[in-house]
PDB file of N, CA and C in Angstrom:
ATOM      1  N   MET A   1     -22.651   8.038  18.195  1.00  0.00           N
ATOM      2  CA  MET A   1     -22.323   9.222  18.635  1.00  0.00           C
ATOM      3  C   MET A   1     -23.270  10.238  18.153  1.00  0.00           C
ATOM      4  N   GLY A   2     -23.775  10.136  17.228  1.00  0.00           N
ATOM      5  CA  GLY A   2     -24.759  11.106  16.831  1.00  0.00           C
ATOM      6  C   GLY A   2     -26.147  10.588  17.113  1.00  0.00           C
ATOM      7  N   GLN A   3     -26.577  10.809  18.326  1.00  0.00           N
ATOM      8  CA  GLN A   3     -27.929  10.359  18.666  1.00  0.00           C
ATOM      9  C   GLN A   3     -28.948  11.329  18.086  1.00  0.00           C
ATOM     10  N   VAL A   4     -30.000  10.713  17.619  1.00  0.00           N
ATOM     11  CA  VAL A   4     -31.077  11.517  17.050  1.00  0.00           C
ATOM     12  C   VAL A   4     -32.072  11.804  18.177  1.00  0.00           C
ATOM     13  N   PRO A   5     -32.378  13.071  18.412  1.00  0.00           N
ATOM     14  CA  PRO A   5     -33.330  13.383  19.482  1.00  0.00           C
ATOM     15  C   PRO A   5     -34.706  12.822  19.128  1.00  0.00           C
ATOM     16  N   ARG A   6     -35.321  12.205  20.116  1.00  0.00           N
ATOM     17  CA  ARG A   6     -36.658  11.653  19.907  1.00  0.00           C
ATOM     18  C   ARG A   6     -37.692  12.625  20.428  1.00  0.00           C
ATOM     19  N   LYS A   7     -38.772  12.676  19.720  1.00  0.00           N
ATOM     20  CA  LYS A   7     -39.867  13.559  20.115  1.00  0.00           C
ATOM     21  C   LYS A   7     -40.754  12.779  21.098  1.00  0.00           C
ATOM     22  N   VAL A   8     -40.927  13.295  22.278  1.00  0.00           N
ATOM     23  CA  VAL A   8     -41.728  12.636  23.303  1.00  0.00           C
ATOM     24  C   VAL A   8     -43.028  13.412  23.451  1.00  0.00           C
ATOM     25  N   LEU A   9     -44.116  12.674  23.312  1.00  0.00           N
ATOM     26  CA  LEU A   9     -45.418  13.304  23.522  1.00  0.00           C
ATOM     27  C   LEU A   9     -45.778  13.144  25.002  1.00  0.00           C
ATOM     28  N   ALA A  10     -45.812  14.228  25.710  1.00  0.00           N
ATOM     29  CA  ALA A  10     -46.016  14.197  27.154  1.00  0.00           C
ATOM     30  C   ALA A  10     -47.442  13.836  27.522  1.00  0.00           C
ATOM     31  N   ASP A  11     -48.406  14.165  26.691  1.00  0.00           N
ATOM     32  CA  ASP A  11     -49.782  13.900  27.088  1.00  0.00           C
ATOM     33  C   ASP A  11     -50.408  12.806  26.232  1.00  0.00           C
ATOM     34  N   MET A  12     -49.687  11.763  25.990  1.00  0.00           N
ATOM     35  CA  MET A  12     -50.247  10.630  25.249  1.00  0.00           C
ATOM     36  C   MET A  12     -51.228   9.850  26.121  1.00  0.00           C
ATOM     37  N   HIS A  13     -51.044   9.906  27.420  1.00  0.00           N
ATOM     38  CA  HIS A  13     -51.909   9.148  28.325  1.00  0.00           C
ATOM     39  C   HIS A  13     -53.246   9.850  28.596  1.00  0.00           C
ATOM     40  N   VAL A  14     -53.418  11.090  28.241  1.00  0.00           N
ATOM     41  CA  VAL A  14     -54.648  11.840  28.482  1.00  0.00           C
ATOM     42  C   VAL A  14     -55.604  11.591  27.319  1.00  0.00           C
ATOM     43  N   PRO A  15     -56.815  11.115  27.622  1.00  0.00           N
ATOM     44  CA  PRO A  15     -57.762  10.855  26.545  1.00  0.00           C
ATOM     45  C   PRO A  15     -58.215  12.151  25.894  1.00  0.00           C
ATOM     46  N   PRO A  16     -58.709  12.060  24.722  1.00  0.00           N
ATOM     47  CA  PRO A  16     -59.211  13.262  24.061  1.00  0.00           C
ATOM     48  C   PRO A  16     -60.335  13.903  24.875  1.00  0.00           C
ATOM     49  N   ALA A  17     -60.540  15.181  24.684  1.00  0.00           N
ATOM     50  CA  ALA A  17     -61.505  15.936  25.481  1.00  0.00           C
ATOM     51  C   ALA A  17     -62.917  15.382  25.338  1.00  0.00           C
ATOM     52  N   LEU A  18     -63.319  14.994  24.150  1.00  0.00           N
ATOM     53  CA  LEU A  18     -64.674  14.468  23.960  1.00  0.00           C
ATOM     54  C   LEU A  18     -64.883  13.192  24.752  1.00  0.00           C
ATOM     55  N   ARG A  19     -63.903  12.331  24.740  1.00  0.00           N
ATOM     56  CA  ARG A  19     -64.018  11.077  25.473  1.00  0.00           C
ATOM     57  C   ARG A  19     -64.038  11.342  26.977  1.00  0.00           C
ATOM     58  N   ARG A  20     -63.219  12.264  27.428  1.00  0.00           N
ATOM     59  CA  ARG A  20     -63.159  12.612  28.845  1.00  0.00           C
ATOM     60  C   ARG A  20     -64.511  13.145  29.324  1.00  0.00           C
ATOM     61  N   TRP A  21     -65.129  14.040  28.556  1.00  0.00           N
ATOM     62  CA  TRP A  21     -66.431  14.586  28.938  1.00  0.00           C
ATOM     63  C   TRP A  21     -67.530  13.546  28.844  1.00  0.00           C
ATOM     64  N   ALA A  22     -67.417  12.630  27.914  1.00  0.00           N
ATOM     65  CA  ALA A  22     -68.412  11.557  27.819  1.00  0.00           C
ATOM     66  C   ALA A  22     -68.355  10.669  29.051  1.00  0.00           C
ATOM     67  N   VAL A  23     -67.151  10.367  29.514  1.00  0.00           N
ATOM     68  CA  VAL A  23     -66.994   9.547  30.721  1.00  0.00           C
ATOM     69  C   VAL A  23     -67.545  10.301  31.931  1.00  0.00           C
ATOM     70  N   ARG A  24     -67.249  11.572  32.023  1.00  0.00           N
ATOM     71  CA  ARG A  24     -67.767  12.369  33.140  1.00  0.00           C
ATOM     72  C   ARG A  24     -69.288  12.410  33.136  1.00  0.00           C
ATOM     73  N   LEU A  25     -69.867  12.604  31.966  1.00  0.00           N
ATOM     74  CA  LEU A  25     -71.324  12.641  31.854  1.00  0.00           C
ATOM     75  C   LEU A  25     -71.938  11.305  32.231  1.00  0.00           C
ATOM     76  N   ALA A  26     -71.317  10.213  31.779  1.00  0.00           N
ATOM     77  CA  ALA A  26     -71.816   8.881  32.119  1.00  0.00           C
ATOM     78  C   ALA A  26     -71.732   8.634  33.621  1.00  0.00           C
ATOM     79  N   LEU A  27     -70.644   9.045  34.236  1.00  0.00           N
ATOM     80  CA  LEU A  27     -70.510   8.880  35.686  1.00  0.00           C
ATOM     81  C   LEU A  27     -71.535   9.730  36.437  1.00  0.00           C
ATOM     82  N   ALA A  28     -71.747  10.945  35.983  1.00  0.00           N
ATOM     83  CA  ALA A  28     -72.744  11.806  36.629  1.00  0.00           C
ATOM     84  C   ALA A  28     -74.135  11.202  36.504  1.00  0.00           C
ATOM     85  N   PHE A  29     -74.425  10.643  35.337  1.00  0.00           N
ATOM     86  CA  PHE A  29     -75.728  10.004  35.132  1.00  0.00           C
ATOM     87  C   PHE A  29     -75.874   8.780  36.035  1.00  0.00           C
ATOM     88  N   ALA A  30     -74.807   8.008  36.176  1.00  0.00           N
ATOM     89  CA  ALA A  30     -74.844   6.827  37.044  1.00  0.00           C
ATOM     90  C   ALA A  30     -75.057   7.234  38.502  1.00  0.00           C
ATOM     91  N   VAL A  31     -74.395   8.292  38.927  1.00  0.00           N
ATOM     92  CA  VAL A  31     -74.572   8.770  40.304  1.00  0.00           C
ATOM     93  C   VAL A  31     -75.997   9.265  40.514  1.00  0.00           C
ATOM     94  N   ALA A  32     -76.543   9.980  39.539  1.00  0.00           N
ATOM     95  CA  ALA A  32     -77.920  10.470  39.653  1.00  0.00           C
ATOM     96  C   ALA A  32     -78.899   9.310  39.740  1.00  0.00           C
ATOM     97  N   LEU A  33     -78.705   8.283  38.954  1.00  0.00           N
ATOM     98  CA  LEU A  33     -79.571   7.101  39.026  1.00  0.00           C
ATOM     99  C   LEU A  33     -79.442   6.402  40.368  1.00  0.00           C
ATOM    100  N   ALA A  34     -78.223   6.299  40.866  1.00  0.00           N
ATOM    101  CA  ALA A  34     -78.012   5.650  42.161  1.00  0.00           C
ATOM    102  C   ALA A  34     -78.721   6.409  43.271  1.00  0.00           C
ATOM    103  N   ILE A  35     -78.685   7.727  43.199  1.00  0.00           N
ATOM    104  CA  ILE A  35     -79.365   8.523  44.218  1.00  0.00           C
ATOM    105  C   ILE A  35     -80.878   8.396  44.083  1.00  0.00           C
ATOM    106  N   ALA A  36     -81.362   8.403  42.854  1.00  0.00           N
ATOM    107  CA  ALA A  36     -82.814   8.337  42.632  1.00  0.00           C
ATOM    108  C   ALA A  36     -83.389   6.989  43.042  1.00  0.00           C
ATOM    109  N   TYR A  37     -82.663   5.932  42.784  1.00  0.00           N
ATOM    110  CA  TYR A  37     -83.167   4.589  43.077  1.00  0.00           C
ATOM    111  C   TYR A  37     -82.407   3.928  44.204  1.00  0.00           C
ATOM    112  N   ALA A  38     -81.887   4.733  45.104  1.00  0.00           N
ATOM    113  CA  ALA A  38     -81.139   4.185  46.235  1.00  0.00           C
ATOM    114  C   ALA A  38     -82.072   3.306  47.051  1.00  0.00           C
ATOM    115  N   PRO A  39     -81.554   2.203  47.526  1.00  0.00           N
ATOM    116  CA  PRO A  39     -82.424   1.332  48.319  1.00  0.00           C
ATOM    117  C   PRO A  39     -82.840   2.048  49.596  1.00  0.00           C
ATOM    118  N   GLY A  40     -84.074   2.307  49.673  1.00  0.00           N
ATOM    119  CA  GLY A  40     -84.619   2.985  50.838  1.00  0.00           C
ATOM    120  C   GLY A  40     -86.100   2.697  50.901  1.00  0.00           C
ATOM    121  N   ASN A  41     -86.623   2.866  52.038  1.00  0.00           N
ATOM    122  CA  ASN A  41     -88.046   2.605  52.220  1.00  0.00           C
ATOM    123  C   ASN A  41     -88.807   3.900  52.079  1.00  0.00           C
ATOM    124  N   SER A  42     -88.755   4.472  50.888  1.00  0.00           N
ATOM    125  CA  SER A  42     -89.426   5.749  50.687  1.00  0.00           C
ATOM    126  C   SER A  42     -90.930   5.587  50.856  1.00  0.00           C
ATOM    127  N   GLU A  43     -91.463   4.433  50.483  1.00  0.00           N
ATOM    128  CA  GLU A  43     -92.901   4.202  50.642  1.00  0.00           C
ATOM    129  C   GLU A  43     -93.261   4.083  52.117  1.00  0.00           C
ATOM    130  N   SER A  44     -92.449   3.343  52.878  1.00  0.00           N
ATOM    131  CA  SER A  44     -92.744   3.211  54.304  1.00  0.00           C
ATOM    132  C   SER A  44     -92.490   4.538  55.021  1.00  0.00           C
ATOM    133  N   GLN A  45     -91.525   5.311  54.535  1.00  0.00           N
ATOM    134  CA  GLN A  45     -91.280   6.621  55.135  1.00  0.00           C
ATOM    135  C   GLN A  45     -92.463   7.545  54.877  1.00  0.00           C
ATOM    136  N   ALA A  46     -93.011   7.490  53.671  1.00  0.00           N
ATOM    137  CA  ALA A  46     -94.186   8.304  53.359  1.00  0.00           C
ATOM    138  C   ALA A  46     -95.368   7.874  54.220  1.00  0.00           C
ATOM    139  N   LEU A  47     -95.520   6.571  54.418  1.00  0.00           N
ATOM    140  CA  LEU A  47     -96.605   6.068  55.260  1.00  0.00           C
ATOM    141  C   LEU A  47     -96.415   6.527  56.700  1.00  0.00           C
ATOM    142  N   HIS A  48     -95.171   6.483  57.179  1.00  0.00           N
ATOM    143  CA  HIS A  48     -94.874   6.940  58.541  1.00  0.00           C
ATOM    144  C   HIS A  48     -95.204   8.422  58.692  1.00  0.00           C
ATOM    145  N   LEU A  49     -94.820   9.227  57.703  1.00  0.00           N
ATOM    146  CA  LEU A  49     -95.122  10.656  57.758  1.00  0.00           C
ATOM    147  C   LEU A  49     -96.619  10.909  57.695  1.00  0.00           C
ATOM    148  N   ARG A  50     -97.329  10.106  56.922  1.00  0.00           N
ATOM    149  CA  ARG A  50     -98.786  10.249  56.841  1.00  0.00           C
ATOM    150  C   ARG A  50     -99.420   9.954  58.193  1.00  0.00           C
ATOM    151  N   HIS A  51     -98.914   8.917  58.894  1.00  0.00           N
ATOM    152  CA  HIS A  51     -99.432   8.600  60.231  1.00  0.00           C
ATOM    153  C   HIS A  51     -99.129   9.736  61.214  1.00  0.00           C
ATOM    154  N   GLN A  52     -97.933  10.301  61.105  1.00  0.00           N
ATOM    155  CA  GLN A  52     -97.602  11.434  61.972  1.00  0.00           C
ATOM    156  C   GLN A  52     -98.530  12.614  61.722  1.00  0.00           C
ATOM    157  N   LEU A  53     -98.835  12.863  60.452  1.00  0.00           N
ATOM    158  CA  LEU A  53     -99.735  13.961  60.110  1.00  0.00           C
ATOM    159  C   LEU A  53    -101.134  13.701  60.658  1.00  0.00           C
ATOM    160  N   ASP A  54    -101.614  12.456  60.528  1.00  0.00           N
ATOM    161  CA  ASP A  54    -102.934  12.108  61.078  1.00  0.00           C
ATOM    162  C   ASP A  54    -102.954  12.286  62.592  1.00  0.00           C
ATOM    163  N   ASP A  55    -101.889  11.858  63.270  1.00  0.00           N
ATOM    164  CA  ASP A  55    -101.810  12.015  64.729  1.00  0.00           C
ATOM    165  C   ASP A  55    -101.809  13.492  65.119  1.00  0.00           C
ATOM    166  N   ALA A  56    -101.065  14.301  64.366  1.00  0.00           N
ATOM    167  CA  ALA A  56    -101.017  15.730  64.669  1.00  0.00           C
ATOM    168  C   ALA A  56    -102.381  16.382  64.462  1.00  0.00           C
ATOM    169  N   ARG A  57    -103.085  15.978  63.409  1.00  0.00           N
ATOM    170  CA  ARG A  57    -104.431  16.534  63.176  1.00  0.00           C
ATOM    171  C   ARG A  57    -105.398  16.120  64.273  1.00  0.00           C
ATOM    172  N   ARG A  58    -105.310  14.846  64.712  1.00  0.00           N
ATOM    173  CA  ARG A  58    -106.186  14.372  65.794  1.00  0.00           C
ATOM    174  C   ARG A  58    -105.893  15.142  67.076  1.00  0.00           C
ATOM    175  N   GLU A  59    -104.618  15.319  67.387  1.00  0.00           N
ATOM    176  CA  GLU A  59    -104.244  16.062  68.592  1.00  0.00           C
ATOM    177  C   GLU A  59    -104.715  17.511  68.504  1.00  0.00           C
ATOM    178  N   THR A  60    -104.646  18.100  67.316  1.00  0.00           N
ATOM    179  CA  THR A  60    -105.119  19.470  67.124  1.00  0.00           C
ATOM    180  C   THR A  60    -106.613  19.568  67.398  1.00  0.00           C
ATOM    181  N   ARG A  61    -107.374  18.596  66.878  1.00  0.00           N
ATOM    182  CA  ARG A  61    -108.832  18.603  67.137  1.00  0.00           C
ATOM    183  C   ARG A  61    -109.121  18.475  68.629  1.00  0.00           C
ATOM    184  N   GLU A  62    -108.389  17.588  69.316  1.00  0.00           N
ATOM    185  CA  GLU A  62    -108.607  17.408  70.754  1.00  0.00           C
ATOM    186  C   GLU A  62    -108.266  18.689  71.525  1.00  0.00           C
ATOM    187  N   LEU A  63    -107.172  19.333  71.150  1.00  0.00           N
ATOM    188  CA  LEU A  63    -106.785  20.570  71.840  1.00  0.00           C
ATOM    189  C   LEU A  63    -107.765  21.702  71.564  1.00  0.00           C
ATOM    190  N   GLU A  64    -108.282  21.758  70.339  1.00  0.00           N
ATOM    191  CA  GLU A  64    -109.282  22.785  70.026  1.00  0.00           C
ATOM    192  C   GLU A  64    -110.547  22.562  70.841  1.00  0.00           C
ATOM    193  N   ALA A  65    -110.955  21.292  71.013  1.00  0.00           N
ATOM    194  CA  ALA A  65    -112.137  20.995  71.821  1.00  0.00           C
ATOM    195  C   ALA A  65    -111.893  21.363  73.284  1.00  0.00           C
ATOM    196  N   ALA A  66    -110.697  21.051  73.794  1.00  0.00           N
ATOM    197  CA  ALA A  66    -110.373  21.399  75.182  1.00  0.00           C
ATOM    198  C   ALA A  66    -110.356  22.919  75.363  1.00  0.00           C
ATOM    199  N   ASN A  67    -109.810  23.640  74.384  1.00  0.00           N
ATOM    200  CA  ASN A  67    -109.803  25.103  74.452  1.00  0.00           C
ATOM    201  C   ASN A  67    -111.219  25.663  74.447  1.00  0.00           C
ATOM    202  N   ALA A  68    -112.087  25.068  73.632  1.00  0.00           N
ATOM    203  CA  ALA A  68    -113.479  25.528  73.587  1.00  0.00           C
ATOM    204  C   ALA A  68    -114.169  25.293  74.932  1.00  0.00           C
ATOM    205  N   ARG A  69    -113.907  24.119  75.555  1.00  0.00           N
ATOM    206  CA  ARG A  69    -114.499  23.848  76.878  1.00  0.00           C
ATOM    207  C   ARG A  69    -114.004  24.848  77.918  1.00  0.00           C
ATOM    208  N   MET A  70    -112.704  25.141  77.876  1.00  0.00           N
ATOM    209  CA  MET A  70    -112.147  26.093  78.841  1.00  0.00           C
ATOM    210  C   MET A  70    -112.676  27.497  78.608  1.00  0.00           C
ATOM    211  N   ALA A  71    -112.836  27.884  77.354  1.00  0.00           N
ATOM    212  CA  ALA A  71    -113.378  29.211  77.054  1.00  0.00           C
ATOM    213  C   ALA A  71    -114.814  29.319  77.558  1.00  0.00           C
ATOM    214  N   ALA A  72    -115.595  28.239  77.394  1.00  0.00           N
ATOM    215  CA  ALA A  72    -116.976  28.242  77.900  1.00  0.00           C
ATOM    216  C   ALA A  72    -116.982  28.324  79.426  1.00  0.00           C
ATOM    217  N   GLU A  73    -116.045  27.616  80.062  1.00  0.00           N
ATOM    218  CA  GLU A  73    -115.968  27.652  81.523  1.00  0.00           C
ATOM    219  C   GLU A  73    -115.573  29.042  82.015  1.00  0.00           C
ATOM    220  N   VAL A  74    -114.635  29.679  81.337  1.00  0.00           N
ATOM    221  CA  VAL A  74    -114.219  31.037  81.715  1.00  0.00           C
ATOM    222  C   VAL A  74    -115.395  31.997  81.567  1.00  0.00           C
ATOM    223  N   GLU A  75    -116.111  31.882  80.462  1.00  0.00           N
ATOM    224  CA  GLU A  75    -117.271  32.753  80.251  1.00  0.00           C
ATOM    225  C   GLU A  75    -118.328  32.531  81.325  1.00  0.00           C
ATOM    226  N   ALA A  76    -118.544  31.261  81.702  1.00  0.00           N
ATOM    227  CA  ALA A  76    -119.523  30.965  82.754  1.00  0.00           C
ATOM    228  C   ALA A  76    -119.071  31.559  84.084  1.00  0.00           C
ATOM    229  N   LEU A  77    -117.783  31.487  84.390  1.00  0.00           N
ATOM    230  CA  LEU A  77    -117.294  32.053  85.653  1.00  0.00           C
ATOM    231  C   LEU A  77    -117.369  33.574  85.662  1.00  0.00           C
ATOM    232  N   ARG A  78    -117.366  34.183  84.491  1.00  0.00           N
ATOM    233  CA  ARG A  78    -117.505  35.641  84.427  1.00  0.00           C
ATOM    234  C   ARG A  78    -118.952  36.090  84.584  1.00  0.00           C
ATOM    235  N   THR A  79    -119.901  35.268  84.137  1.00  0.00           N
ATOM    236  CA  THR A  79    -121.282  35.740  84.048  1.00  0.00           C
ATOM    237  C   THR A  79    -122.280  34.961  84.901  1.00  0.00           C
ATOM    238  N   ASP A  80    -122.006  33.704  85.236  1.00  0.00           N
ATOM    239  CA  ASP A  80    -122.999  32.847  85.891  1.00  0.00           C
ATOM    240  C   ASP A  80    -122.675  32.694  87.380  1.00  0.00           C
ATOM    241  N   ALA A  81    -123.582  33.164  88.210  1.00  0.00           N
ATOM    242  CA  ALA A  81    -123.374  33.104  89.660  1.00  0.00           C
ATOM    243  C   ALA A  81    -123.351  31.668  90.167  1.00  0.00           C
ATOM    244  N   GLN A  82    -124.157  30.805  89.574  1.00  0.00           N
ATOM    245  CA  GLN A  82    -124.177  29.401  90.005  1.00  0.00           C
ATOM    246  C   GLN A  82    -122.847  28.710  89.692  1.00  0.00           C
ATOM    247  N   ALA A  83    -122.228  29.047  88.578  1.00  0.00           N
ATOM    248  CA  ALA A  83    -120.928  28.465  88.239  1.00  0.00           C
ATOM    249  C   ALA A  83    -119.858  28.936  89.220  1.00  0.00           C
ATOM    250  N   ILE A  84    -119.948  30.204  89.596  1.00  0.00           N
ATOM    251  CA  ILE A  84    -118.981  30.736  90.564  1.00  0.00           C
ATOM    252  C   ILE A  84    -119.164  30.042  91.914  1.00  0.00           C
ATOM    253  N   GLU A  85    -120.425  29.872  92.337  1.00  0.00           N
ATOM    254  CA  GLU A  85    -120.695  29.219  93.617  1.00  0.00           C
ATOM    255  C   GLU A  85    -120.224  27.768  93.606  1.00  0.00           C
ATOM    256  N   ALA A  86    -120.497  27.052  92.520  1.00  0.00           N
ATOM    257  CA  ALA A  86    -120.081  25.651  92.434  1.00  0.00           C
ATOM    258  C   ALA A  86    -118.556  25.537  92.492  1.00  0.00           C
ATOM    259  N   ARG A  87    -117.848  26.419  91.819  1.00  0.00           N
ATOM    260  CA  ARG A  87    -116.379  26.388  91.841  1.00  0.00           C
ATOM    261  C   ARG A  87    -115.874  26.695  93.246  1.00  0.00           C
ATOM    262  N   ALA A  88    -116.468  27.678  93.897  1.00  0.00           N
ATOM    263  CA  ALA A  88    -116.033  28.053  95.243  1.00  0.00           C
ATOM    264  C   ALA A  88    -116.281  26.918  96.233  1.00  0.00           C
ATOM    265  N   ARG A  89    -117.388  26.243  96.117  1.00  0.00           N
ATOM    266  CA  ARG A  89    -117.696  25.134  97.027  1.00  0.00           C
ATOM    267  C   ARG A  89    -116.782  23.928  96.768  1.00  0.00           C
ATOM    268  N   ASN A  90    -116.643  23.550  95.498  1.00  0.00           N
ATOM    269  CA  ASN A  90    -115.907  22.323  95.168  1.00  0.00           C
ATOM    270  C   ASN A  90    -114.398  22.470  95.318  1.00  0.00           C
ATOM    271  N   GLU A  91    -113.850  23.557  94.834  1.00  0.00           N
ATOM    272  CA  GLU A  91    -112.397  23.669  94.824  1.00  0.00           C
ATOM    273  C   GLU A  91    -111.831  24.403  96.030  1.00  0.00           C
ATOM    274  N   LEU A  92    -112.585  25.355  96.550  1.00  0.00           N
ATOM    275  CA  LEU A  92    -112.069  26.144  97.661  1.00  0.00           C
ATOM    276  C   LEU A  92    -112.657  25.752  99.007  1.00  0.00           C
ATOM    277  N   GLY A  93    -113.701  24.890  98.985  1.00  0.00           N
ATOM    278  CA  GLY A  93    -114.307  24.438 100.236  1.00  0.00           C
ATOM    279  C   GLY A  93    -115.075  25.525 100.967  1.00  0.00           C
ATOM    280  N   MET A  94    -115.549  26.515 100.232  1.00  0.00           N
ATOM    281  CA  MET A  94    -116.267  27.623 100.848  1.00  0.00           C
ATOM    282  C   MET A  94    -117.729  27.219 101.108  1.00  0.00           C
ATOM    283  N   VAL A  95    -118.304  27.802 102.168  1.00  0.00           N
ATOM    284  CA  VAL A  95    -119.706  27.560 102.520  1.00  0.00           C
ATOM    285  C   VAL A  95    -120.327  28.895 102.924  1.00  0.00           C
ATOM    286  N   PHE A  96    -121.641  28.920 102.877  1.00  0.00           N
ATOM    287  CA  PHE A  96    -122.345  30.106 103.356  1.00  0.00           C
ATOM    288  C   PHE A  96    -122.390  30.076 104.874  1.00  0.00           C
ATOM    289  N   PRO A  97    -122.501  31.252 105.494  1.00  0.00           N
ATOM    290  CA  PRO A  97    -122.591  31.283 106.959  1.00  0.00           C
ATOM    291  C   PRO A  97    -123.819  30.500 107.434  1.00  0.00           C
ATOM    292  N   GLY A  98    -123.613  29.703 108.464  1.00  0.00           N
ATOM    293  CA  GLY A  98    -124.701  28.928 109.038  1.00  0.00           C
ATOM    294  C   GLY A  98    -124.849  27.548 108.412  1.00  0.00           C
ATOM    295  N   GLU A  99    -124.137  27.241 107.351  1.00  0.00           N
ATOM    296  CA  GLU A  99    -124.225  25.910 106.742  1.00  0.00           C
ATOM    297  C   GLU A  99    -123.340  24.935 107.509  1.00  0.00           C
ATOM    298  N   ILE A 100    -123.779  23.719 107.528  1.00  0.00           N
ATOM    299  CA  ILE A 100    -122.985  22.658 108.140  1.00  0.00           C
ATOM    300  C   ILE A 100    -122.552  21.720 107.011  1.00  0.00           C
ATOM    301  N   VAL A 101    -121.279  21.438 106.958  1.00  0.00           N
ATOM    302  CA  VAL A 101    -120.743  20.591 105.879  1.00  0.00           C
ATOM    303  C   VAL A 101    -120.268  19.291 106.475  1.00  0.00           C
ATOM    304  N   LEU A 102    -120.743  18.216 105.889  1.00  0.00           N
ATOM    305  CA  LEU A 102    -120.281  16.874 106.282  1.00  0.00           C
ATOM    306  C   LEU A 102    -119.522  16.282 105.108  1.00  0.00           C
ATOM    307  N   ARG A 103    -118.284  15.954 105.332  1.00  0.00           N
ATOM    308  CA  ARG A 103    -117.489  15.337 104.279  1.00  0.00           C
ATOM    309  C   ARG A 103    -117.417  13.838 104.561  1.00  0.00           C
ATOM    310  N   LEU A 104    -117.841  13.071 103.586  1.00  0.00           N
ATOM    311  CA  LEU A 104    -117.806  11.621 103.713  1.00  0.00           C
ATOM    312  C   LEU A 104    -116.777  11.082 102.717  1.00  0.00           C
ATOM    313  N   GLU A 105    -115.909  10.246 103.206  1.00  0.00           N
ATOM    314  CA  GLU A 105    -114.924   9.652 102.333  1.00  0.00           C
ATOM    315  C   GLU A 105    -115.354   8.233 102.017  1.00  0.00           C
ATOM    316  N   ALA A 106    -115.181   7.893 100.750  1.00  0.00           N
ATOM    317  CA  ALA A 106    -115.571   6.551 100.315  1.00  0.00           C
ATOM    318  C   ALA A 106    -114.579   5.527 100.847  1.00  0.00           C
ATOM    319  N   THR A 107    -115.110   4.395 101.293  1.00  0.00           N
ATOM    320  CA  THR A 107    -114.230   3.311 101.761  1.00  0.00           C
ATOM    321  C   THR A 107    -113.944   2.374 100.587  1.00  0.00           C
ATOM    322  N   PRO A 108    -112.773   1.819 100.558  1.00  0.00           N
ATOM    323  CA  PRO A 108    -112.446   0.942  99.423  1.00  0.00           C
ATOM    324  C   PRO A 108    -113.215  -0.369  99.424  1.00  0.00           C
TER     325      PRO A 108
END
């Protein structure tokens, strides 16, 4: 009849703070290592990116050369009468008065 009240420790299952933080730090370190050394083809990815960069540089050189050719052609059409005449004859089919033009088509 006279029960003695027992003292119950409610947080006996919680580890001490130092141990809890040590576990958290260890887990964070493990996650960081997993991310750093995750199985991936970082070397092949770098090689792929290097090839893309080389292709982009090659394409840039080709486009710069094409732009230079077009700029030279534009300048010639602005200043050179022979260039203007050649363009008019070839692309527009223009002729001088009194000229006779014979168009021959190649047979296969």
